[in-house]
Amino acid sequence: MTVLPVAHETQARKADHLRICLEGPVQCAQITTGLERYRFTHCCLPELDYQDIDISTTFLGHPLGAPLLISSMTGGTEAAHQINRRLAVVAQRFGLAMGVGSQRVGVENPELMETFAVRALAPDMLLLANLGAVQLNYGYGLDQCRRVVEKLEANALILHLNPLQEAVQTGGDTNFKGLLGKIEQLCAALPVPVIAKEVGNGIAAPLVRRLIEAGVAAVDVAGAGGTSWARVESERALDAHQRRLGQTFGEWGLPTADCIVQARQVAPTLPLIASGGLRHGLDVAKAIALGADLAGLAMPFLQAASDSEEAVAALAEVLIAEIKTVLFCTGQGRLAGLREPGVLVD
């Protein structure tokens, strides 16, 4: 087997991830987001004009037209470049936030950084750069983190935490020792906020507390119930050992709803993102009602962006309509009203 240079290996992995997420059986089948346990109390006389409902918000001081984040997905290939451009145009149009996929491939091969470049298409968008936190144990530091932020013209940096994915990935980076201290150093030195994010297995309350103490500005709990990255890595495994690991741990993680509740209990004022298996505006509204400030969706946007810019715009429109319908039918004119006692029940 030919051994590819590191940058080419990373680029090939990104292409595999994109293909497998779109085509493979990689959604959690048994574990759920936990959001299905909750329902809204219907109000048959909302005393509202639907047209007056306002779902605008702010996150990290940035105004948004809706509490929606196009979650980190891709980059590093031409197909990814097209997807990112379609997503950015729609995010700008509707006032959504957007994260890009891991920019490690662009650090390894600067020519590929262009596949992430979307700022010219979305000058006002809340844009989030992205690197794997574990890379801080593999030669990355302030310079690399500053570079991906500057190249993207990003408002913040996501550090994603993915121990399970690395453990089941062929050739994964599995040295997470001493990482929290390096995250703390980075938070103190980087000129933009740092967001800690899981990739689909959730962040429990004790880790939320430790990440806050380390200086992260926000947390994305990214719970289980959606795409299983263990399953993704199983699909691209090069041997039976790694394939079995991915299959065994395909249903591993903390449900998204539980993560939101736990995070909010230990950090009442923390800027909080909920992602992991959210598929429509009703999921978004439940996440907001449980305490999230922003809701991230990846797979629905990836599927739409693989089709066309028009499909992404249509998705954004229906998500916004679904969120507004929840507010209308619960008698709430603003997002904060979803957290009023009795509006969401289990």
Protein backbone atom coordinates (compact mmCIF):
# COMPACT_ATOMS: atom_id res chain seq x y z
CA MET A 1 0.00 0.00 0.00
CA THR A 2 1.34 3.42 -0.96
CA VAL A 3 1.80 5.78 1.97
CA LEU A 4 0.54 9.25 1.09
CA PRO A 5 2.05 12.49 2.40
CA VAL A 6 0.24 13.71 5.52
CA ALA A 7 -1.61 16.52 3.74
CA HIS A 8 -2.84 14.14 1.05
CA GLU A 9 -3.94 11.63 3.68
CA THR A 10 -5.94 14.32 5.46
CA GLN A 11 -7.49 15.50 2.19
CA ALA A 12 -8.45 11.93 1.27
CA ARG A 13 -10.00 11.45 4.71
CA LYS A 14 -12.09 14.60 4.29
CA ALA A 15 -13.35 13.36 0.94
CA ASP A 16 -14.21 10.00 2.52
CA HIS A 17 -16.08 11.69 5.37
CA LEU A 18 -18.16 13.74 2.96
CA ARG A 19 -19.07 10.74 0.82
CA ILE A 20 -19.83 8.42 3.75
CA CYS A 21 -21.96 10.96 5.60
CA LEU A 22 -24.08 11.44 2.50
CA GLU A 23 -24.27 7.80 1.44
CA GLY A 24 -23.45 5.51 4.35
CA PRO A 25 -25.52 4.05 7.21
CA VAL A 26 -23.95 6.30 9.83
CA GLN A 27 -26.90 7.68 11.80
CA CYS A 28 -27.47 6.54 15.38
CA ALA A 29 -30.14 3.84 15.31
CA GLN A 30 -30.71 3.15 19.04
CA ILE A 31 -29.59 6.16 21.04
CA THR A 32 -31.70 9.27 20.47
CA THR A 33 -31.23 12.96 21.12
CA GLY A 34 -33.63 12.78 24.07
CA LEU A 35 -35.58 15.72 22.66
CA GLU A 36 -38.50 13.41 21.89
CA ARG A 37 -39.14 13.16 25.64
CA TYR A 38 -40.30 16.78 25.69
CA ARG A 39 -43.36 18.49 24.23
CA PHE A 40 -44.66 22.04 24.12
CA THR A 41 -47.89 23.10 25.76
CA HIS A 42 -50.23 24.16 22.98
CA CYS A 43 -51.88 27.57 23.27
CA CYS A 44 -55.09 27.76 21.24
CA LEU A 45 -55.40 31.53 21.71
CA PRO A 46 -51.88 32.97 21.37
CA GLU A 47 -52.96 36.64 21.24
CA LEU A 48 -50.17 37.25 18.72
CA ASP A 49 -49.81 38.35 15.14
CA TYR A 50 -47.59 35.71 13.53
CA GLN A 51 -45.88 38.45 11.52
CA ASP A 52 -44.69 40.12 14.72
CA ILE A 53 -42.83 37.06 16.03
CA ASP A 54 -39.12 37.80 16.41
CA ILE A 55 -36.56 34.97 16.50
CA SER A 56 -33.49 37.19 16.20
CA THR A 57 -30.80 36.78 18.82
CA THR A 58 -27.13 37.47 19.55
CA PHE A 59 -24.26 35.08 20.16
CA LEU A 60 -20.85 36.15 21.42
CA GLY A 61 -22.04 39.71 20.79
CA HIS A 62 -22.87 39.02 17.14
CA PRO A 63 -26.44 39.68 15.91
CA LEU A 64 -28.23 36.79 14.21
CA GLY A 65 -31.51 36.61 12.35
CA ALA A 66 -32.32 33.22 13.86
CA PRO A 67 -30.81 30.97 16.57
CA LEU A 68 -29.30 28.71 13.93
CA LEU A 69 -25.73 27.54 13.37
CA ILE A 70 -24.75 25.73 10.20
CA SER A 71 -22.51 23.30 12.07
CA SER A 72 -18.93 22.49 11.11
CA MET A 73 -18.82 19.97 8.29
CA THR A 74 -16.27 20.09 5.57
CA GLY A 75 -13.38 21.60 3.65
CA GLY A 76 -10.22 20.54 1.86
CA THR A 77 -11.71 19.34 -1.41
CA GLU A 78 -13.31 20.99 -4.43
CA ALA A 79 -16.68 19.47 -3.55
CA ALA A 80 -16.32 20.84 -0.03
CA HIS A 81 -15.46 24.26 -1.43
CA GLN A 82 -18.70 24.34 -3.40
CA ILE A 83 -20.69 23.20 -0.36
CA ASN A 84 -19.13 25.85 1.86
CA ARG A 85 -19.84 28.58 -0.67
CA ARG A 86 -23.51 27.59 -0.96
CA LEU A 87 -23.87 27.50 2.81
CA ALA A 88 -22.20 30.87 3.28
CA VAL A 89 -24.41 32.65 0.75
CA VAL A 90 -27.53 31.41 2.53
CA ALA A 91 -26.13 32.14 5.99
CA GLN A 92 -25.50 35.73 4.93
CA ARG A 93 -29.00 36.06 3.47
CA PHE A 94 -30.82 34.79 6.56
CA GLY A 95 -28.44 35.99 9.27
CA LEU A 96 -27.28 32.53 10.37
CA ALA A 97 -23.99 31.51 11.96
CA MET A 98 -21.66 29.08 10.21
CA GLY A 99 -18.74 26.89 11.19
CA VAL A 100 -16.35 25.26 8.74
CA GLY A 101 -14.86 21.78 8.97
CA SER A 102 -11.44 21.14 10.48
CA GLN A 103 -8.86 23.38 8.82
CA ARG A 104 -6.00 21.04 9.62
CA VAL A 105 -5.84 20.10 5.95
CA GLY A 106 -5.28 23.77 5.11
CA VAL A 107 -2.48 24.08 7.66
CA GLU A 108 -0.78 21.04 6.13
CA ASN A 109 -1.34 22.29 2.59
CA PRO A 110 -1.94 26.07 2.48
CA GLU A 111 -3.28 25.81 -1.08
CA LEU A 112 -6.32 23.99 0.32
CA MET A 113 -7.17 26.81 2.73
CA GLU A 114 -9.04 28.39 -0.17
CA THR A 115 -11.69 25.64 0.10
CA PHE A 116 -12.74 27.22 3.40
CA ALA A 117 -12.67 30.84 2.20
CA VAL A 118 -16.21 32.21 2.32
CA ARG A 119 -15.91 35.60 4.01
CA ALA A 120 -16.19 37.50 0.71
CA LEU A 121 -19.59 35.88 0.19
CA ALA A 122 -20.79 36.56 3.72
CA PRO A 123 -19.23 39.73 5.12
CA ASP A 124 -21.65 39.98 8.06
CA MET A 125 -21.87 36.31 9.04
CA LEU A 126 -20.78 34.94 12.41
CA LEU A 127 -18.05 32.64 11.07
CA LEU A 128 -16.27 30.00 13.14
CA ALA A 129 -12.85 28.55 12.36
CA ASN A 130 -12.15 24.97 13.42
CA LEU A 131 -9.28 22.74 14.53
CA GLY A 132 -9.07 19.51 16.49
CA ALA A 133 -8.03 20.22 20.07
CA VAL A 134 -5.84 17.10 20.09
CA GLN A 135 -3.59 18.73 17.48
CA LEU A 136 -2.24 20.88 20.32
CA ASN A 137 -0.44 17.67 21.35
CA TYR A 138 0.86 17.08 17.83
CA GLY A 139 2.86 20.20 17.07
CA TYR A 140 0.10 22.78 16.79
CA GLY A 141 0.07 25.90 18.92
CA LEU A 142 -0.89 29.55 18.94
CA ASP A 143 0.62 30.21 15.51
CA GLN A 144 -1.44 27.54 13.73
CA CYS A 145 -4.62 28.55 15.54
CA ARG A 146 -4.07 32.20 14.75
CA ARG A 147 -3.39 31.30 11.11
CA VAL A 148 -6.68 29.45 10.56
CA VAL A 149 -8.61 32.29 12.20
CA GLU A 150 -6.89 34.95 10.10
CA LYS A 151 -7.15 33.04 6.81
CA LEU A 152 -10.86 32.50 7.37
CA GLU A 153 -11.41 35.99 8.82
CA ALA A 154 -13.30 34.17 11.55
CA ASN A 155 -15.02 35.61 14.60
CA ALA A 156 -14.09 32.70 16.85
CA LEU A 157 -12.25 29.37 16.87
CA ILE A 158 -13.88 26.02 17.50
CA LEU A 159 -11.64 23.43 19.15
CA HIS A 160 -13.37 20.11 18.58
CA LEU A 161 -13.00 17.29 21.07
CA ASN A 162 -13.28 13.85 19.48
CA PRO A 163 -11.57 11.12 21.55
CA LEU A 164 -13.87 8.34 20.36
CA GLN A 165 -13.45 9.24 16.70
CA GLU A 166 -9.66 9.32 17.07
CA ALA A 167 -9.67 6.00 18.95
CA VAL A 168 -11.61 4.16 16.24
CA GLN A 169 -10.02 5.98 13.28
CA THR A 170 -7.26 4.17 11.44
CA GLY A 171 -4.12 6.09 12.44
CA GLY A 172 -6.05 8.41 14.74
CA ASP A 173 -4.36 10.91 17.08
CA THR A 174 -5.01 9.52 20.56
CA ASN A 175 -2.71 11.45 22.90
CA PHE A 176 -5.12 13.64 24.84
CA LYS A 177 -2.82 13.88 27.90
CA GLY A 178 -2.35 17.37 29.32
CA LEU A 179 -4.66 18.88 26.75
CA LEU A 180 -6.76 20.99 29.10
CA GLY A 181 -3.74 23.04 30.16
CA LYS A 182 -2.87 23.75 26.52
CA ILE A 183 -6.45 24.79 25.83
CA GLU A 184 -6.20 27.18 28.78
CA GLN A 185 -3.00 28.70 27.39
CA LEU A 186 -4.57 29.11 23.97
CA CYS A 187 -7.71 30.75 25.37
CA ALA A 188 -5.55 33.31 27.15
CA ALA A 189 -3.45 34.13 24.07
CA LEU A 190 -5.77 33.90 21.05
CA PRO A 191 -7.35 37.25 20.12
CA VAL A 192 -10.77 35.70 19.36
CA PRO A 193 -13.08 33.60 21.56
CA VAL A 194 -12.53 29.84 21.76
CA ILE A 195 -15.50 27.45 21.56
CA ALA A 196 -15.16 23.88 22.82
CA LYS A 197 -17.20 21.40 20.79
CA GLU A 198 -17.75 17.66 20.83
CA VAL A 199 -18.50 15.90 17.53
CA GLY A 200 -21.51 13.80 18.46
CA ASN A 201 -20.86 12.07 21.77
CA GLY A 202 -21.74 14.89 24.16
CA ILE A 203 -20.12 16.92 26.93
CA ALA A 204 -21.10 16.13 30.52
CA ALA A 205 -21.45 18.72 33.28
CA PRO A 206 -18.03 18.17 34.95
CA LEU A 207 -16.24 18.77 31.65
CA VAL A 208 -18.32 21.86 30.97
CA ARG A 209 -17.18 23.26 34.30
CA ARG A 210 -13.51 22.45 33.62
CA LEU A 211 -13.65 23.97 30.14
CA ILE A 212 -15.11 27.19 31.55
CA GLU A 213 -12.33 27.30 34.12
CA ALA A 214 -9.85 26.88 31.27
CA GLY A 215 -11.25 30.00 29.64
CA VAL A 216 -13.44 28.82 26.77
CA ALA A 217 -16.00 31.43 25.77
CA ALA A 218 -18.73 28.99 24.73
CA VAL A 219 -19.50 25.27 24.56
CA ASP A 220 -21.20 23.20 21.88
CA VAL A 221 -22.42 20.05 23.62
CA ALA A 222 -22.83 18.13 20.31
CA GLY A 223 -24.59 15.17 21.87
CA ALA A 224 -25.46 11.75 20.55
CA GLY A 225 -28.49 10.96 18.46
CA GLY A 226 -27.41 12.06 14.99
CA THR A 227 -24.40 11.17 12.88
CA SER A 228 -22.14 8.64 14.58
CA TRP A 229 -18.52 9.36 13.76
CA ALA A 230 -17.61 5.95 15.10
CA ARG A 231 -19.79 4.50 12.34
CA VAL A 232 -18.24 6.87 9.80
CA GLU A 233 -14.75 5.71 10.72
CA SER A 234 -15.90 2.09 10.66
CA GLU A 235 -17.06 2.60 7.07
CA ARG A 236 -13.61 3.82 6.02
CA ALA A 237 -11.55 1.45 8.17
CA LEU A 238 -8.62 -0.29 6.49
CA ASP A 239 -8.76 -3.42 8.63
CA ALA A 240 -11.20 -5.60 10.54
CA HIS A 241 -9.91 -4.40 13.93
CA GLN A 242 -10.78 -0.74 13.34
CA ARG A 243 -14.00 -1.67 11.56
CA ARG A 244 -15.19 -3.61 14.59
CA LEU A 245 -14.25 -0.79 16.98
CA GLY A 246 -16.35 1.65 15.00
CA GLN A 247 -19.30 -0.73 14.95
CA THR A 248 -19.07 -1.52 18.67
CA PHE A 249 -19.12 2.15 19.66
CA GLY A 250 -21.60 3.31 17.03
CA GLU A 251 -24.21 4.08 19.69
CA TRP A 252 -21.87 5.63 22.28
CA GLY A 253 -22.54 8.98 23.88
CA LEU A 254 -24.74 11.28 25.93
CA PRO A 255 -28.08 12.36 24.43
CA THR A 256 -28.14 15.97 23.31
CA ALA A 257 -31.06 16.96 25.54
CA ASP A 258 -29.31 15.63 28.66
CA CYS A 259 -26.15 17.55 27.76
CA ILE A 260 -28.07 20.82 27.39
CA VAL A 261 -29.74 20.41 30.77
CA GLN A 262 -26.50 19.45 32.52
CA ALA A 263 -24.52 22.28 30.95
CA ARG A 264 -27.11 24.86 31.91
CA GLN A 265 -27.25 23.59 35.50
CA VAL A 266 -23.53 24.14 36.05
CA ALA A 267 -23.18 27.22 33.84
CA PRO A 268 -26.35 29.36 33.88
CA THR A 269 -24.88 32.20 31.81
CA LEU A 270 -22.51 30.31 29.49
CA PRO A 271 -23.05 30.92 25.76
CA LEU A 272 -24.31 27.47 24.85
CA ILE A 273 -24.73 25.71 21.50
CA ALA A 274 -26.85 22.58 21.17
CA SER A 275 -26.10 20.23 18.30
CA GLY A 276 -26.19 16.51 17.68
CA GLY A 277 -29.12 14.99 15.82
CA LEU A 278 -31.22 18.15 15.41
CA ARG A 279 -33.21 17.75 12.23
CA HIS A 280 -35.94 20.43 12.14
CA GLY A 281 -37.18 23.62 13.74
CA LEU A 282 -39.12 21.80 16.44
CA ASP A 283 -35.85 20.25 17.62
CA VAL A 284 -34.28 23.70 17.55
CA ALA A 285 -37.10 25.19 19.63
CA LYS A 286 -36.84 22.39 22.21
CA ALA A 287 -33.09 22.93 22.48
CA ILE A 288 -33.63 26.66 23.05
CA ALA A 289 -36.34 25.94 25.62
CA LEU A 290 -33.98 23.61 27.51
CA GLY A 291 -31.37 26.35 27.74
CA ALA A 292 -29.33 26.52 24.54
CA ASP A 293 -28.64 29.91 22.97
CA LEU A 294 -27.96 28.55 19.51
CA ALA A 295 -28.85 25.30 17.74
CA GLY A 296 -26.49 23.67 15.29
CA LEU A 297 -27.51 21.45 12.38
CA ALA A 298 -25.09 19.67 10.08
CA MET A 299 -26.62 16.75 8.17
CA PRO A 300 -29.74 18.60 6.92
CA PHE A 301 -27.58 21.45 5.63
CA LEU A 302 -25.02 19.07 4.12
CA GLN A 303 -27.72 17.22 2.21
CA ALA A 304 -29.22 20.46 0.94
CA ALA A 305 -25.86 22.00 0.00
CA SER A 306 -24.91 18.89 -1.93
CA ASP A 307 -27.93 19.64 -4.08
CA SER A 308 -27.94 23.39 -4.68
CA GLU A 309 -27.89 26.83 -3.14
CA GLU A 310 -31.64 26.97 -3.68
CA ALA A 311 -32.09 23.81 -1.60
CA VAL A 312 -30.10 25.37 1.25
CA ALA A 313 -32.24 28.52 1.10
CA ALA A 314 -35.43 26.43 1.11
CA LEU A 315 -34.18 24.56 4.18
CA ALA A 316 -33.37 27.79 6.00
CA GLU A 317 -36.82 29.14 5.22
CA VAL A 318 -38.63 26.09 6.54
CA LEU A 319 -36.48 25.90 9.68
CA ILE A 320 -37.29 29.53 10.45
CA ALA A 321 -40.99 28.90 9.77
CA GLU A 322 -40.95 25.87 12.08
CA ILE A 323 -39.35 27.85 14.91
CA LYS A 324 -41.84 30.69 14.47
CA THR A 325 -44.73 28.23 14.44
CA VAL A 326 -43.61 26.84 17.80
CA LEU A 327 -43.56 30.35 19.23
CA PHE A 328 -46.94 31.18 17.72
CA CYS A 329 -48.61 28.01 19.02
CA THR A 330 -47.16 28.44 22.51
CA GLY A 331 -48.19 32.08 22.73
CA GLN A 332 -44.65 33.42 22.82
CA GLY A 333 -43.46 36.33 20.72
CA ARG A 334 -39.75 35.97 21.51
CA LEU A 335 -37.32 33.08 21.95
CA ALA A 336 -36.89 33.77 25.66
CA GLY A 337 -40.56 32.95 26.16
CA LEU A 338 -39.87 29.30 25.36
CA ARG A 339 -38.15 29.02 28.74
CA GLU A 340 -41.13 30.24 30.72
CA PRO A 341 -42.48 27.64 33.21
CA GLY A 342 -44.93 25.23 31.68
CA VAL A 343 -44.15 26.05 28.04
CA LEU A 344 -42.00 22.90 27.60
CA VAL A 345 -42.93 19.82 29.60
CA ASP A 346 -41.65 16.27 29.82
